[in-house]
Amino acid sequence: MPIDETLARYSDFAFKTAIVVYALAAVFLLVQYASERGKKVLERELVAVGAGDGPGRVAPVEKRPLAERFGNMAFSVLIVGAALHVGAIVLRGFATHRFPFGNMYEFTTMATAAAVVIGLAFLREQRYRGMWVFLLIPVLILMFLAGTILYADAAPVVPALKSYWLPVHVTIVSVGSGVFLVSGVASLLYLFRMREQSGSESKNVLGTIASRLPDAQSLDQLAYKTTIIGFPLFGAGVILGAIWAEAAWGRFWGWDPKETCSFIAWVLYAAYLHARATSGWRDTKAAWINVAGFVAMLFNLFIINMVISGLHSYAGLN
């Protein structure tokens, strides 16, 4: 079927608008981050116009701190950005009359959307708002790369991808990758928090930044919870990819660069979950393993797809 150019343009417009909305949310979050004082305590300022309960007196009015108000605005803006982001994916699918997972642009769009949606689910509490700044930075970078270097015009997929396995395999892998993005950022912030929390938080700029993050235990728990979700998803994606490979290429596994790097990332995340359950490895050692898995995911996305040639060379770069 021919490509619907109008819907394709709407999809591109929604994608670009989502970037702008996320950038606006990041500005609000930066204002919130800079306005916070000390630990994450939700204090209320009582602004009294009058005193007492007599005639002509006005009762005290509860006023939210500036940081909390900007944080709430940012969260509302993030919901709008996520709706535009998901809308861009849906419109791309209708424009091409297929599931929009046929190239790196579409994969990265899906993965970043999954990261934002997971963030909205797990980081909705006020104590996690300070982490949103550090999650939006990689999301915005990836979306910028997707809209420029990785962008591909709306078009039918190559014949090798015309299979019912495409939406099943790629959807699961891309969503799992988005979940791992949240987990990786949480572990990086946990390591940063642990480094700065030993009495130096009030003595330097890095310590001040660290003191406004969620506490180290909350960050570690967040990384663990999101990895528990992402690990079986990514593992199922790898298994389904092997089944698709058997149908397409006549073998389940051929140690193709993409397959090999995906397996390495899966093993690293398995090692992280094992380390979190092992005494003596539950602190920074496990977090470093999680970061290594996140780096392997990024290597798999960019280096394997763009530099190393293999059977999975479907980047679709213009």
Protein backbone atom coordinates (compact mmCIF):
# COMPACT_ATOMS: atom_id res chain seq x y z
CA MET A 1 0.00 0.00 0.00
CA PRO A 2 1.22 3.55 -0.70
CA ILE A 3 2.61 5.65 2.11
CA ASP A 4 0.24 8.24 3.57
CA GLU A 5 2.47 11.31 3.38
CA THR A 6 0.05 13.46 5.38
CA LEU A 7 0.05 11.12 8.37
CA ALA A 8 3.82 10.76 8.03
CA ARG A 9 4.21 14.54 8.34
CA TYR A 10 1.87 14.59 11.34
CA SER A 11 3.99 11.87 12.93
CA ASP A 12 7.20 13.83 12.39
CA PHE A 13 5.54 16.97 13.75
CA ALA A 14 4.32 15.12 16.87
CA PHE A 15 7.83 13.71 17.40
CA LYS A 16 9.48 17.14 17.13
CA THR A 17 6.82 18.71 19.35
CA ALA A 18 7.43 16.00 21.96
CA ILE A 19 11.11 16.97 22.03
CA VAL A 20 10.19 20.62 22.64
CA VAL A 21 7.70 19.66 25.37
CA TYR A 22 10.27 17.42 27.07
CA ALA A 23 12.79 20.27 26.91
CA LEU A 24 10.25 22.57 28.57
CA ALA A 25 9.65 19.98 31.28
CA ALA A 26 13.41 19.74 31.79
CA VAL A 27 13.55 23.52 32.34
CA PHE A 28 10.80 23.29 34.99
CA LEU A 29 12.62 20.40 36.63
CA LEU A 30 15.88 22.33 36.67
CA VAL A 31 14.11 25.23 38.40
CA GLN A 32 12.67 22.76 40.91
CA TYR A 33 16.09 21.19 41.43
CA ALA A 34 17.75 24.56 41.97
CA SER A 35 15.00 25.72 44.35
CA GLU A 36 15.15 22.79 46.73
CA ARG A 37 16.82 23.18 50.09
CA GLY A 38 18.53 20.32 51.87
CA LYS A 39 16.80 16.96 51.94
CA LYS A 40 13.59 16.09 50.12
CA VAL A 41 11.11 17.17 52.76
CA LEU A 42 7.70 18.44 51.65
CA GLU A 43 7.39 21.52 53.82
CA ARG A 44 4.46 23.90 53.74
CA GLU A 45 4.75 27.66 54.16
CA LEU A 46 1.90 29.18 56.08
CA VAL A 47 1.19 32.68 54.78
CA ALA A 48 -1.02 34.41 57.29
CA VAL A 49 -2.94 37.44 56.14
CA GLY A 50 -4.39 37.82 59.60
CA ALA A 51 -4.29 36.02 62.92
CA GLY A 52 -6.94 34.47 65.13
CA ASP A 53 -10.47 33.45 64.38
CA GLY A 54 -12.27 36.70 65.16
CA PRO A 55 -14.29 38.87 62.80
CA GLY A 56 -12.31 40.35 59.93
CA ARG A 57 -9.60 37.77 60.37
CA VAL A 58 -8.43 35.52 57.53
CA ALA A 59 -7.29 32.00 58.29
CA PRO A 60 -3.72 31.02 57.30
CA VAL A 61 -3.38 29.86 53.70
CA GLU A 62 -1.28 26.83 52.84
CA LYS A 63 1.23 27.56 50.12
CA ARG A 64 3.31 24.96 48.34
CA PRO A 65 7.08 25.55 48.07
CA LEU A 66 8.35 26.84 44.73
CA ALA A 67 10.24 23.60 44.05
CA GLU A 68 7.14 21.49 44.51
CA ARG A 69 5.01 23.73 42.29
CA PHE A 70 7.51 23.59 39.45
CA GLY A 71 7.83 19.84 39.92
CA ASN A 72 4.07 19.39 39.59
CA MET A 73 4.00 21.57 36.46
CA ALA A 74 6.85 19.57 34.97
CA PHE A 75 5.03 16.30 35.63
CA SER A 76 1.91 17.60 33.88
CA VAL A 77 3.99 18.75 30.92
CA LEU A 78 5.67 15.34 30.80
CA ILE A 79 2.28 13.67 30.41
CA VAL A 80 1.56 15.90 27.39
CA GLY A 81 4.99 15.08 25.94
CA ALA A 82 4.45 11.36 26.44
CA ALA A 83 1.07 11.57 24.67
CA LEU A 84 2.69 13.33 21.70
CA HIS A 85 5.53 10.80 21.72
CA VAL A 86 3.19 7.81 21.62
CA GLY A 87 1.04 9.64 19.05
CA ALA A 88 4.07 9.98 16.78
CA ILE A 89 4.56 6.20 16.91
CA VAL A 90 0.91 5.45 16.20
CA LEU A 91 0.72 7.93 13.31
CA ARG A 92 3.90 6.49 11.82
CA GLY A 93 2.28 3.07 11.89
CA PHE A 94 -0.88 4.27 10.15
CA ALA A 95 1.19 6.20 7.61
CA THR A 96 3.23 3.15 6.63
CA HIS A 97 0.44 0.56 7.10
CA ARG A 98 2.73 -1.55 9.29
CA PHE A 99 4.07 -1.71 12.83
CA PRO A 100 6.57 1.17 13.09
CA PHE A 101 9.62 -0.84 14.17
CA GLY A 102 11.52 -1.25 10.91
CA ASN A 103 14.60 0.95 11.41
CA MET A 104 16.74 2.62 14.07
CA TYR A 105 14.67 5.80 14.06
CA GLU A 106 11.50 3.90 14.88
CA PHE A 107 13.23 1.60 17.38
CA THR A 108 14.80 4.53 19.25
CA THR A 109 11.49 6.39 19.25
CA MET A 110 9.78 3.38 20.80
CA ALA A 111 12.53 2.80 23.38
CA THR A 112 12.57 6.42 24.56
CA ALA A 113 8.76 6.46 24.75
CA ALA A 114 8.90 3.32 26.88
CA ALA A 115 11.47 4.98 29.18
CA VAL A 116 9.24 8.03 29.67
CA VAL A 117 6.11 5.94 30.31
CA ILE A 118 7.98 3.75 32.81
CA GLY A 119 9.28 6.94 34.40
CA LEU A 120 5.76 8.31 34.73
CA ALA A 121 4.76 5.08 36.46
CA PHE A 122 7.73 4.75 38.84
CA LEU A 123 8.81 8.36 39.37
CA ARG A 124 5.43 9.96 40.05
CA GLU A 125 6.14 10.48 43.74
CA GLN A 126 7.48 13.86 44.79
CA ARG A 127 10.67 12.37 46.23
CA TYR A 128 11.69 11.09 42.78
CA ARG A 129 11.09 14.36 40.90
CA GLY A 130 14.78 15.34 41.21
CA MET A 131 15.74 12.24 39.23
CA TRP A 132 13.65 13.26 36.22
CA VAL A 133 16.27 15.79 35.11
CA PHE A 134 18.85 13.04 34.74
CA LEU A 135 16.40 10.74 32.94
CA LEU A 136 15.25 13.38 30.46
CA ILE A 137 18.82 14.25 29.43
CA PRO A 138 19.57 10.85 27.79
CA VAL A 139 16.00 10.70 26.45
CA LEU A 140 16.41 14.09 24.74
CA ILE A 141 19.85 13.13 23.40
CA LEU A 142 18.53 9.87 21.96
CA MET A 143 15.49 11.59 20.46
CA PHE A 144 17.69 14.27 18.90
CA LEU A 145 19.91 11.58 17.36
CA ALA A 146 16.81 9.71 16.19
CA GLY A 147 15.40 12.82 14.53
CA THR A 148 18.68 13.73 12.80
CA ILE A 149 21.34 11.06 12.26
CA LEU A 150 19.04 8.04 12.59
CA TYR A 151 16.00 9.49 10.84
CA ALA A 152 14.47 7.47 8.02
CA ASP A 153 11.61 8.54 5.78
CA ALA A 154 8.32 6.70 6.17
CA ALA A 155 8.54 3.71 3.84
CA PRO A 156 7.73 0.01 3.67
CA VAL A 157 10.13 -2.29 5.48
CA VAL A 158 12.72 -4.35 3.61
CA PRO A 159 11.45 -7.80 2.51
CA ALA A 160 13.39 -9.58 5.27
CA LEU A 161 11.32 -7.77 7.91
CA LYS A 162 7.92 -8.51 6.40
CA SER A 163 6.96 -10.99 9.07
CA TYR A 164 4.47 -11.21 11.93
CA TRP A 165 7.51 -11.68 14.17
CA LEU A 166 8.55 -8.05 13.62
CA PRO A 167 5.99 -6.42 15.95
CA VAL A 168 6.36 -9.19 18.53
CA HIS A 169 10.16 -9.34 18.69
CA VAL A 170 11.03 -5.67 18.21
CA THR A 171 8.26 -4.33 20.47
CA ILE A 172 9.39 -6.46 23.38
CA VAL A 173 13.09 -5.63 22.87
CA SER A 174 12.48 -1.89 22.47
CA VAL A 175 10.25 -1.70 25.56
CA GLY A 176 12.83 -3.69 27.51
CA SER A 177 15.53 -1.29 26.34
CA GLY A 178 13.47 1.66 27.56
CA VAL A 179 13.05 0.04 30.97
CA PHE A 180 16.81 -0.57 31.15
CA LEU A 181 17.37 3.13 30.42
CA VAL A 182 15.52 4.03 33.62
CA SER A 183 17.38 1.32 35.53
CA GLY A 184 20.78 2.44 34.23
CA VAL A 185 20.18 6.08 35.15
CA ALA A 186 19.02 5.01 38.63
CA SER A 187 22.21 2.98 39.19
CA LEU A 188 24.43 5.80 37.95
CA LEU A 189 22.74 8.22 40.35
CA TYR A 190 23.01 5.66 43.13
CA LEU A 191 26.77 5.40 42.59
CA PHE A 192 27.03 9.19 42.53
CA ARG A 193 24.96 9.45 45.71
CA MET A 194 27.10 6.87 47.49
CA ARG A 195 30.27 8.67 46.48
CA GLU A 196 29.10 12.02 47.83
CA GLN A 197 27.08 11.06 50.87
CA SER A 198 29.98 10.36 53.26
CA GLY A 199 29.94 13.75 54.93
CA SER A 200 30.89 15.80 51.87
CA GLU A 201 27.42 16.71 50.58
CA SER A 202 27.53 20.22 52.03
CA LYS A 203 31.13 21.01 51.13
CA ASN A 204 31.16 21.14 47.34
CA VAL A 205 28.95 21.60 44.29
CA LEU A 206 28.74 17.87 43.53
CA GLY A 207 27.73 17.22 47.12
CA THR A 208 24.97 19.81 46.87
CA ILE A 209 23.68 18.19 43.67
CA ALA A 210 23.79 14.76 45.28
CA SER A 211 21.95 15.93 48.40
CA ARG A 212 18.92 16.91 46.29
CA LEU A 213 18.60 13.45 44.75
CA PRO A 214 16.50 10.71 46.32
CA ASP A 215 18.35 8.79 49.01
CA ALA A 216 20.75 6.06 47.90
CA GLN A 217 18.52 3.21 49.08
CA SER A 218 15.55 4.51 47.06
CA LEU A 219 17.69 4.81 43.93
CA ASP A 220 19.06 1.29 44.39
CA GLN A 221 15.56 -0.10 44.89
CA LEU A 222 14.33 1.72 41.79
CA ALA A 223 17.15 0.26 39.68
CA TYR A 224 16.37 -3.21 41.01
CA LYS A 225 12.60 -3.00 40.48
CA THR A 226 12.90 -1.73 36.91
CA THR A 227 15.51 -4.36 36.03
CA ILE A 228 13.16 -7.06 37.32
CA ILE A 229 10.65 -5.79 34.73
CA GLY A 230 13.14 -5.27 31.90
CA PHE A 231 15.08 -8.52 32.30
CA PRO A 232 12.29 -11.00 31.42
CA LEU A 233 11.07 -8.68 28.66
CA PHE A 234 14.49 -8.48 27.05
CA GLY A 235 15.07 -12.20 27.58
CA ALA A 236 11.75 -13.00 25.90
CA GLY A 237 12.72 -10.69 23.02
CA VAL A 238 16.00 -12.56 22.52
CA ILE A 239 14.24 -15.94 22.59
CA LEU A 240 11.57 -14.79 20.14
CA GLY A 241 14.30 -13.37 17.92
CA ALA A 242 15.95 -16.79 17.87
CA ILE A 243 12.66 -18.41 16.83
CA TRP A 244 12.29 -15.81 14.06
CA ALA A 245 15.89 -16.48 12.97
CA GLU A 246 15.13 -20.17 12.62
CA ALA A 247 12.14 -19.38 10.40
CA ALA A 248 14.03 -16.79 8.32
CA TRP A 249 17.60 -18.13 8.18
CA GLY A 250 17.22 -21.78 9.09
CA ARG A 251 19.04 -21.62 12.44
CA PHE A 252 18.16 -20.43 15.94
CA TRP A 253 21.54 -18.91 16.72
CA GLY A 254 24.50 -17.99 14.54
CA TRP A 255 26.60 -15.70 16.77
CA ASP A 256 25.78 -12.73 14.58
CA PRO A 257 27.21 -9.51 16.16
CA LYS A 258 23.71 -8.35 17.16
CA GLU A 259 22.88 -11.70 18.69
CA THR A 260 26.20 -11.89 20.52
CA CYS A 261 25.96 -8.39 22.00
CA SER A 262 22.34 -8.96 23.04
CA PHE A 263 23.38 -12.17 24.78
CA ILE A 264 26.23 -10.36 26.57
CA ALA A 265 23.82 -7.64 27.77
CA TRP A 266 21.34 -10.28 28.96
CA VAL A 267 24.09 -12.11 30.89
CA LEU A 268 25.20 -8.84 32.51
CA TYR A 269 21.68 -8.09 33.70
CA ALA A 270 21.35 -11.67 34.97
CA ALA A 271 24.61 -11.15 36.85
CA TYR A 272 23.26 -7.90 38.32
CA LEU A 273 20.11 -9.58 39.63
CA HIS A 274 22.22 -12.40 41.06
CA ALA A 275 24.58 -9.90 42.69
CA ARG A 276 21.65 -8.05 44.27
CA ALA A 277 20.65 -11.31 45.94
CA THR A 278 24.19 -12.15 47.09
CA SER A 279 25.60 -10.93 50.38
CA GLY A 280 28.60 -8.64 49.88
CA TRP A 281 27.57 -7.66 46.33
CA ARG A 282 24.42 -5.67 47.05
CA ASP A 283 26.09 -2.28 47.21
CA THR A 284 28.14 -0.54 44.55
CA LYS A 285 29.46 -3.79 43.00
CA ALA A 286 25.99 -4.77 41.80
CA ALA A 287 25.29 -1.23 40.60
CA TRP A 288 28.44 -1.24 38.47
CA ILE A 289 27.29 -4.49 36.83
CA ASN A 290 23.96 -2.83 36.03
CA VAL A 291 25.79 0.13 34.48
CA ALA A 292 27.89 -2.31 32.41
CA GLY A 293 24.68 -3.88 31.10
CA PHE A 294 23.36 -0.44 30.18
CA VAL A 295 26.59 0.36 28.29
CA ALA A 296 26.28 -2.95 26.44
CA MET A 297 22.73 -1.98 25.42
CA LEU A 298 23.94 1.36 24.02
CA PHE A 299 26.82 -0.38 22.22
CA ASN A 300 24.35 -2.84 20.74
CA LEU A 301 22.09 -0.03 19.54
CA PHE A 302 24.66 2.26 17.96
CA ILE A 303 27.98 0.52 17.26
CA ILE A 304 26.56 -2.84 16.19
CA ASN A 305 23.87 -1.26 13.97
CA MET A 306 25.97 1.52 12.46
CA VAL A 307 29.55 0.23 12.36
CA ILE A 308 29.63 -3.56 12.39
CA SER A 309 28.04 -5.39 9.47
CA GLY A 310 25.84 -8.40 10.16
CA LEU A 311 22.56 -10.10 9.38
CA HIS A 312 20.75 -7.51 11.51
CA SER A 313 21.85 -4.52 9.41
CA TYR A 314 18.43 -2.91 9.13
CA ALA A 315 19.29 0.53 10.47
CA GLY A 316 17.45 2.19 7.58
CA LEU A 317 19.66 5.28 7.61
CA ASN A 318 19.08 7.73 4.78
